[in-house]
Amino acid sequence: VSHNKTTLASLKPIIRQVDLGEGKGI
């Protein structure tokens, strides 16, 4: 956001946990 204030001003962060499987993790 600090580098793209205008572009991202009206958007919100969405954070999703993703399990990439054995050996890679969360």
PDB file of all heavy atoms in Angstrom:
ATOM      1  N   VAL A   1       0.833  -1.201   0.000  1.00  0.00           N
ATOM      2  CA  VAL A   1       0.000   0.000   0.000  1.00  0.00           C
ATOM      3  C   VAL A   1       0.874   1.260   0.000  1.00  0.00           C
ATOM      4  O   VAL A   1       0.566   2.230  -0.685  1.00  0.00           O
ATOM      5  CB  VAL A   1      -0.988   0.004   1.185  1.00  0.00           C
ATOM      6  CG1 VAL A   1      -1.658   1.355   1.339  1.00  0.00           C
ATOM      7  CG2 VAL A   1      -2.032  -1.081   1.001  1.00  0.00           C
ATOM      8  N   SER A   2       1.970   1.232   0.736  1.00  0.00           N
ATOM      9  CA  SER A   2       2.824   2.421   0.800  1.00  0.00           C
ATOM     10  C   SER A   2       3.412   2.778  -0.565  1.00  0.00           C
ATOM     11  O   SER A   2       3.690   3.942  -0.829  1.00  0.00           O
ATOM     12  CB  SER A   2       3.944   2.234   1.829  1.00  0.00           C
ATOM     13  OG  SER A   2       4.916   1.332   1.376  1.00  0.00           O
ATOM     14  N   HIS A   3       3.552   1.790  -1.453  1.00  0.00           N
ATOM     15  CA  HIS A   3       4.094   2.035  -2.792  1.00  0.00           C
ATOM     16  C   HIS A   3       2.998   2.179  -3.851  1.00  0.00           C
ATOM     17  O   HIS A   3       3.305   2.510  -5.009  1.00  0.00           O
ATOM     18  CB  HIS A   3       5.038   0.908  -3.202  1.00  0.00           C
ATOM     19  CG  HIS A   3       6.235   0.781  -2.322  1.00  0.00           C
ATOM     20  ND1 HIS A   3       7.180   1.776  -2.184  1.00  0.00           N
ATOM     21  CD2 HIS A   3       6.636  -0.221  -1.504  1.00  0.00           C
ATOM     22  CE1 HIS A   3       8.112   1.390  -1.331  1.00  0.00           C
ATOM     23  NE2 HIS A   3       7.795   0.179  -0.891  1.00  0.00           N
ATOM     24  N   ASN A   4       1.756   1.906  -3.482  1.00  0.00           N
ATOM     25  CA  ASN A   4       0.650   1.916  -4.452  1.00  0.00           C
ATOM     26  C   ASN A   4      -0.609   2.512  -3.826  1.00  0.00           C
ATOM     27  O   ASN A   4      -1.700   1.953  -3.937  1.00  0.00           O
ATOM     28  CB  ASN A   4       0.364   0.478  -4.912  1.00  0.00           C
ATOM     29  CG  ASN A   4       1.550  -0.171  -5.555  1.00  0.00           C
ATOM     30  OD1 ASN A   4       1.853   0.060  -6.709  1.00  0.00           O
ATOM     31  ND2 ASN A   4       2.256  -1.000  -4.788  1.00  0.00           N
ATOM     32  N   LYS A   5      -0.454   3.643  -3.157  1.00  0.00           N
ATOM     33  CA  LYS A   5      -1.555   4.236  -2.383  1.00  0.00           C
ATOM     34  C   LYS A   5      -2.798   4.496  -3.219  1.00  0.00           C
ATOM     35  O   LYS A   5      -3.908   4.143  -2.816  1.00  0.00           O
ATOM     36  CB  LYS A   5      -1.087   5.517  -1.706  1.00  0.00           C
ATOM     37  CG  LYS A   5      -0.111   5.267  -0.590  1.00  0.00           C
ATOM     38  CD  LYS A   5       0.378   6.556   0.023  1.00  0.00           C
ATOM     39  CE  LYS A   5       1.438   6.235   1.071  1.00  0.00           C
ATOM     40  NZ  LYS A   5       2.103   7.393   1.575  1.00  0.00           N
ATOM     41  N   THR A   6      -2.644   5.108  -4.346  1.00  0.00           N
ATOM     42  CA  THR A   6      -3.801   5.468  -5.172  1.00  0.00           C
ATOM     43  C   THR A   6      -4.507   4.222  -5.691  1.00  0.00           C
ATOM     44  O   THR A   6      -5.735   4.122  -5.627  1.00  0.00           O
ATOM     45  CB  THR A   6      -3.366   6.350  -6.350  1.00  0.00           C
ATOM     46  OG1 THR A   6      -2.707   7.504  -5.819  1.00  0.00           O
ATOM     47  CG2 THR A   6      -4.550   6.788  -7.177  1.00  0.00           C
ATOM     48  N   THR A   7      -3.744   3.273  -6.177  1.00  0.00           N
ATOM     49  CA  THR A   7      -4.313   2.062  -6.772  1.00  0.00           C
ATOM     50  C   THR A   7      -5.055   1.211  -5.750  1.00  0.00           C
ATOM     51  O   THR A   7      -6.099   0.638  -6.045  1.00  0.00           O
ATOM     52  CB  THR A   7      -3.203   1.226  -7.434  1.00  0.00           C
ATOM     53  OG1 THR A   7      -2.513   2.044  -8.377  1.00  0.00           O
ATOM     54  CG2 THR A   7      -3.766   0.007  -8.134  1.00  0.00           C
ATOM     55  N   LEU A   8      -4.530   1.140  -4.528  1.00  0.00           N
ATOM     56  CA  LEU A   8      -5.092   0.250  -3.517  1.00  0.00           C
ATOM     57  C   LEU A   8      -5.942   0.951  -2.469  1.00  0.00           C
ATOM     58  O   LEU A   8      -6.418   0.309  -1.531  1.00  0.00           O
ATOM     59  CB  LEU A   8      -3.959  -0.517  -2.825  1.00  0.00           C
ATOM     60  CG  LEU A   8      -3.122  -1.407  -3.748  1.00  0.00           C
ATOM     61  CD1 LEU A   8      -1.949  -1.998  -2.986  1.00  0.00           C
ATOM     62  CD2 LEU A   8      -3.968  -2.493  -4.373  1.00  0.00           C
ATOM     63  N   ALA A   9      -6.156   2.247  -2.622  1.00  0.00           N
ATOM     64  CA  ALA A   9      -6.835   3.046  -1.596  1.00  0.00           C
ATOM     65  C   ALA A   9      -8.192   2.481  -1.180  1.00  0.00           C
ATOM     66  O   ALA A   9      -8.541   2.497  -0.001  1.00  0.00           O
ATOM     67  CB  ALA A   9      -6.979   4.486  -2.063  1.00  0.00           C
ATOM     68  N   SER A  10      -8.965   1.978  -2.122  1.00  0.00           N
ATOM     69  CA  SER A  10     -10.322   1.530  -1.801  1.00  0.00           C
ATOM     70  C   SER A  10     -10.404   0.025  -1.511  1.00  0.00           C
ATOM     71  O   SER A  10     -11.485  -0.497  -1.280  1.00  0.00           O
ATOM     72  CB  SER A  10     -11.267   1.871  -2.953  1.00  0.00           C
ATOM     73  OG  SER A  10     -10.897   1.136  -4.109  1.00  0.00           O
ATOM     74  N   LEU A  11      -9.262  -0.659  -1.515  1.00  0.00           N
ATOM     75  CA  LEU A  11      -9.260  -2.108  -1.329  1.00  0.00           C
ATOM     76  C   LEU A  11      -8.837  -2.497   0.083  1.00  0.00           C
ATOM     77  O   LEU A  11      -8.209  -1.717   0.785  1.00  0.00           O
ATOM     78  CB  LEU A  11      -8.328  -2.757  -2.356  1.00  0.00           C
ATOM     79  CG  LEU A  11      -8.697  -2.478  -3.809  1.00  0.00           C
ATOM     80  CD1 LEU A  11      -7.642  -3.047  -4.740  1.00  0.00           C
ATOM     81  CD2 LEU A  11     -10.063  -3.040  -4.136  1.00  0.00           C
ATOM     82  N   LYS A  12      -9.185  -3.687   0.458  1.00  0.00           N
ATOM     83  CA  LYS A  12      -8.859  -4.221   1.778  1.00  0.00           C
ATOM     84  C   LYS A  12      -7.986  -5.460   1.607  1.00  0.00           C
ATOM     85  O   LYS A  12      -8.110  -6.189   0.613  1.00  0.00           O
ATOM     86  CB  LYS A  12     -10.131  -4.624   2.533  1.00  0.00           C
ATOM     87  CG  LYS A  12     -11.131  -3.510   2.697  1.00  0.00           C
ATOM     88  CD  LYS A  12     -10.650  -2.497   3.697  1.00  0.00           C
ATOM     89  CE  LYS A  12     -11.714  -1.426   3.887  1.00  0.00           C
ATOM     90  NZ  LYS A  12     -11.191  -0.123   4.072  1.00  0.00           N
ATOM     91  N   PRO A  13      -7.125  -5.750   2.580  1.00  0.00           N
ATOM     92  CA  PRO A  13      -6.330  -6.976   2.495  1.00  0.00           C
ATOM     93  C   PRO A  13      -7.183  -8.209   2.794  1.00  0.00           C
ATOM     94  O   PRO A  13      -8.068  -8.175   3.645  1.00  0.00           O
ATOM     95  CB  PRO A  13      -5.262  -6.783   3.568  1.00  0.00           C
ATOM     96  CG  PRO A  13      -5.908  -5.883   4.569  1.00  0.00           C
ATOM     97  CD  PRO A  13      -6.816  -4.974   3.775  1.00  0.00           C
ATOM     98  N   ILE A  14      -6.907  -9.252   2.059  1.00  0.00           N
ATOM     99  CA  ILE A  14      -7.513 -10.557   2.298  1.00  0.00           C
ATOM    100  C   ILE A  14      -6.348 -11.519   2.473  1.00  0.00           C
ATOM    101  O   ILE A  14      -5.491 -11.625   1.595  1.00  0.00           O
ATOM    102  CB  ILE A  14      -8.398 -10.999   1.116  1.00  0.00           C
ATOM    103  CG1 ILE A  14      -9.528  -9.997   0.905  1.00  0.00           C
ATOM    104  CG2 ILE A  14      -8.931 -12.410   1.346  1.00  0.00           C
ATOM    105  CD1 ILE A  14     -10.269 -10.180  -0.406  1.00  0.00           C
ATOM    106  N   ILE A  15      -6.296 -12.188   3.599  1.00  0.00           N
ATOM    107  CA  ILE A  15      -5.205 -13.109   3.881  1.00  0.00           C
ATOM    108  C   ILE A  15      -5.791 -14.500   4.057  1.00  0.00           C
ATOM    109  O   ILE A  15      -6.674 -14.705   4.881  1.00  0.00           O
ATOM    110  CB  ILE A  15      -4.425 -12.673   5.138  1.00  0.00           C
ATOM    111  CG1 ILE A  15      -3.815 -11.287   4.908  1.00  0.00           C
ATOM    112  CG2 ILE A  15      -3.350 -13.697   5.488  1.00  0.00           C
ATOM    113  CD1 ILE A  15      -3.190 -10.667   6.129  1.00  0.00           C
ATOM    114  N   ARG A  16      -5.292 -15.429   3.252  1.00  0.00           N
ATOM    115  CA  ARG A  16      -5.779 -16.810   3.324  1.00  0.00           C
ATOM    116  C   ARG A  16      -4.634 -17.748   3.655  1.00  0.00           C
ATOM    117  O   ARG A  16      -3.561 -17.669   3.064  1.00  0.00           O
ATOM    118  CB  ARG A  16      -6.383 -17.229   1.989  1.00  0.00           C
ATOM    119  CG  ARG A  16      -7.668 -16.513   1.695  1.00  0.00           C
ATOM    120  CD  ARG A  16      -8.534 -17.329   0.792  1.00  0.00           C
ATOM    121  NE  ARG A  16      -9.765 -16.607   0.517  1.00  0.00           N
ATOM    122  CZ  ARG A  16     -10.352 -16.561  -0.654  1.00  0.00           C
ATOM    123  NH1 ARG A  16      -9.830 -17.188  -1.673  1.00  0.00           N
ATOM    124  NH2 ARG A  16     -11.478 -15.896  -0.807  1.00  0.00           N
ATOM    125  N   GLN A  17      -4.892 -18.656   4.555  1.00  0.00           N
ATOM    126  CA  GLN A  17      -3.925 -19.692   4.887  1.00  0.00           C
ATOM    127  C   GLN A  17      -4.003 -20.767   3.816  1.00  0.00           C
ATOM    128  O   GLN A  17      -5.092 -21.224   3.448  1.00  0.00           O
ATOM    129  CB  GLN A  17      -4.246 -20.292   6.245  1.00  0.00           C
ATOM    130  CG  GLN A  17      -3.252 -21.343   6.676  1.00  0.00           C
ATOM    131  CD  GLN A  17      -3.566 -21.893   8.057  1.00  0.00           C
ATOM    132  OE1 GLN A  17      -4.156 -21.226   8.893  1.00  0.00           O
ATOM    133  NE2 GLN A  17      -3.191 -23.126   8.284  1.00  0.00           N
ATOM    134  N   VAL A  18      -2.836 -21.176   3.309  1.00  0.00           N
ATOM    135  CA  VAL A  18      -2.773 -22.174   2.253  1.00  0.00           C
ATOM    136  C   VAL A  18      -1.780 -23.258   2.660  1.00  0.00           C
ATOM    137  O   VAL A  18      -0.636 -22.962   3.001  1.00  0.00           O
ATOM    138  CB  VAL A  18      -2.314 -21.525   0.916  1.00  0.00           C
ATOM    139  CG1 VAL A  18      -2.260 -22.557  -0.193  1.00  0.00           C
ATOM    140  CG2 VAL A  18      -3.212 -20.367   0.541  1.00  0.00           C
ATOM    141  N   ASP A  19      -2.225 -24.507   2.629  1.00  0.00           N
ATOM    142  CA  ASP A  19      -1.352 -25.637   2.917  1.00  0.00           C
ATOM    143  C   ASP A  19      -0.829 -26.178   1.592  1.00  0.00           C
ATOM    144  O   ASP A  19      -1.595 -26.729   0.794  1.00  0.00           O
ATOM    145  CB  ASP A  19      -2.122 -26.722   3.671  1.00  0.00           C
ATOM    146  CG  ASP A  19      -1.236 -27.859   4.133  1.00  0.00           C
ATOM    147  OD1 ASP A  19      -0.073 -27.951   3.673  1.00  0.00           O
ATOM    148  OD2 ASP A  19      -1.704 -28.652   4.964  1.00  0.00           O
ATOM    149  N   LEU A  20       0.460 -26.006   1.349  1.00  0.00           N
ATOM    150  CA  LEU A  20       1.056 -26.447   0.088  1.00  0.00           C
ATOM    151  C   LEU A  20       1.485 -27.909   0.118  1.00  0.00           C
ATOM    152  O   LEU A  20       2.071 -28.406  -0.828  1.00  0.00           O
ATOM    153  CB  LEU A  20       2.244 -25.556  -0.272  1.00  0.00           C
ATOM    154  CG  LEU A  20       1.888 -24.091  -0.509  1.00  0.00           C
ATOM    155  CD1 LEU A  20       3.133 -23.306  -0.884  1.00  0.00           C
ATOM    156  CD2 LEU A  20       0.815 -23.933  -1.566  1.00  0.00           C
ATOM    157  N   GLY A  21       1.180 -28.581   1.204  1.00  0.00           N
ATOM    158  CA  GLY A  21       1.429 -30.011   1.271  1.00  0.00           C
ATOM    159  C   GLY A  21       2.739 -30.371   1.942  1.00  0.00           C
ATOM    160  O   GLY A  21       3.518 -29.520   2.364  1.00  0.00           O
ATOM    161  N   GLU A  22       2.938 -31.670   2.028  1.00  0.00           N
ATOM    162  CA  GLU A  22       4.103 -32.211   2.718  1.00  0.00           C
ATOM    163  C   GLU A  22       5.400 -31.683   2.106  1.00  0.00           C
ATOM    164  O   GLU A  22       5.561 -31.639   0.888  1.00  0.00           O
ATOM    165  CB  GLU A  22       4.081 -33.737   2.625  1.00  0.00           C
ATOM    166  CG  GLU A  22       5.058 -34.403   3.543  1.00  0.00           C
ATOM    167  CD  GLU A  22       4.865 -35.913   3.576  1.00  0.00           C
ATOM    168  OE1 GLU A  22       3.719 -36.367   3.503  1.00  0.00           O
ATOM    169  OE2 GLU A  22       5.885 -36.599   3.675  1.00  0.00           O
ATOM    170  N   GLY A  23       6.268 -31.255   2.961  1.00  0.00           N
ATOM    171  CA  GLY A  23       7.556 -30.744   2.510  1.00  0.00           C
ATOM    172  C   GLY A  23       7.566 -29.258   2.219  1.00  0.00           C
ATOM    173  O   GLY A  23       8.616 -28.648   2.126  1.00  0.00           O
ATOM    174  N   LYS A  24       6.403 -28.662   2.030  1.00  0.00           N
ATOM    175  CA  LYS A  24       6.327 -27.230   1.735  1.00  0.00           C
ATOM    176  C   LYS A  24       5.703 -26.457   2.880  1.00  0.00           C
ATOM    177  O   LYS A  24       6.129 -25.371   3.201  1.00  0.00           O
ATOM    178  CB  LYS A  24       5.572 -26.992   0.435  1.00  0.00           C
ATOM    179  CG  LYS A  24       6.297 -27.539  -0.766  1.00  0.00           C
ATOM    180  CD  LYS A  24       5.620 -27.194  -2.047  1.00  0.00           C
ATOM    181  CE  LYS A  24       6.381 -27.791  -3.218  1.00  0.00           C
ATOM    182  NZ  LYS A  24       5.732 -27.532  -4.481  1.00  0.00           N
ATOM    183  N   GLY A  25       4.638 -26.998   3.455  1.00  0.00           N
ATOM    184  CA  GLY A  25       4.048 -26.406   4.636  1.00  0.00           C
ATOM    185  C   GLY A  25       2.984 -25.364   4.394  1.00  0.00           C
ATOM    186  O   GLY A  25       2.420 -25.246   3.309  1.00  0.00           O
ATOM    187  N   ILE A  26       2.745 -24.579   5.440  1.00  0.00           N
ATOM    188  CA  ILE A  26       1.687 -23.567   5.449  1.00  0.00           C
ATOM    189  C   ILE A  26       2.258 -22.218   5.015  1.00  0.00           C
ATOM    190  O   ILE A  26       3.319 -21.805   5.474  1.00  0.00           O
ATOM    191  CB  ILE A  26       1.091 -23.417   6.866  1.00  0.00           C
ATOM    192  CG1 ILE A  26       0.546 -24.746   7.379  1.00  0.00           C
ATOM    193  CG2 ILE A  26       0.046 -22.312   6.915  1.00  0.00           C
ATOM    194  CD1 ILE A  26      -0.687 -25.237   6.683  1.00  0.00           C
TER     195      ILE A  26
END
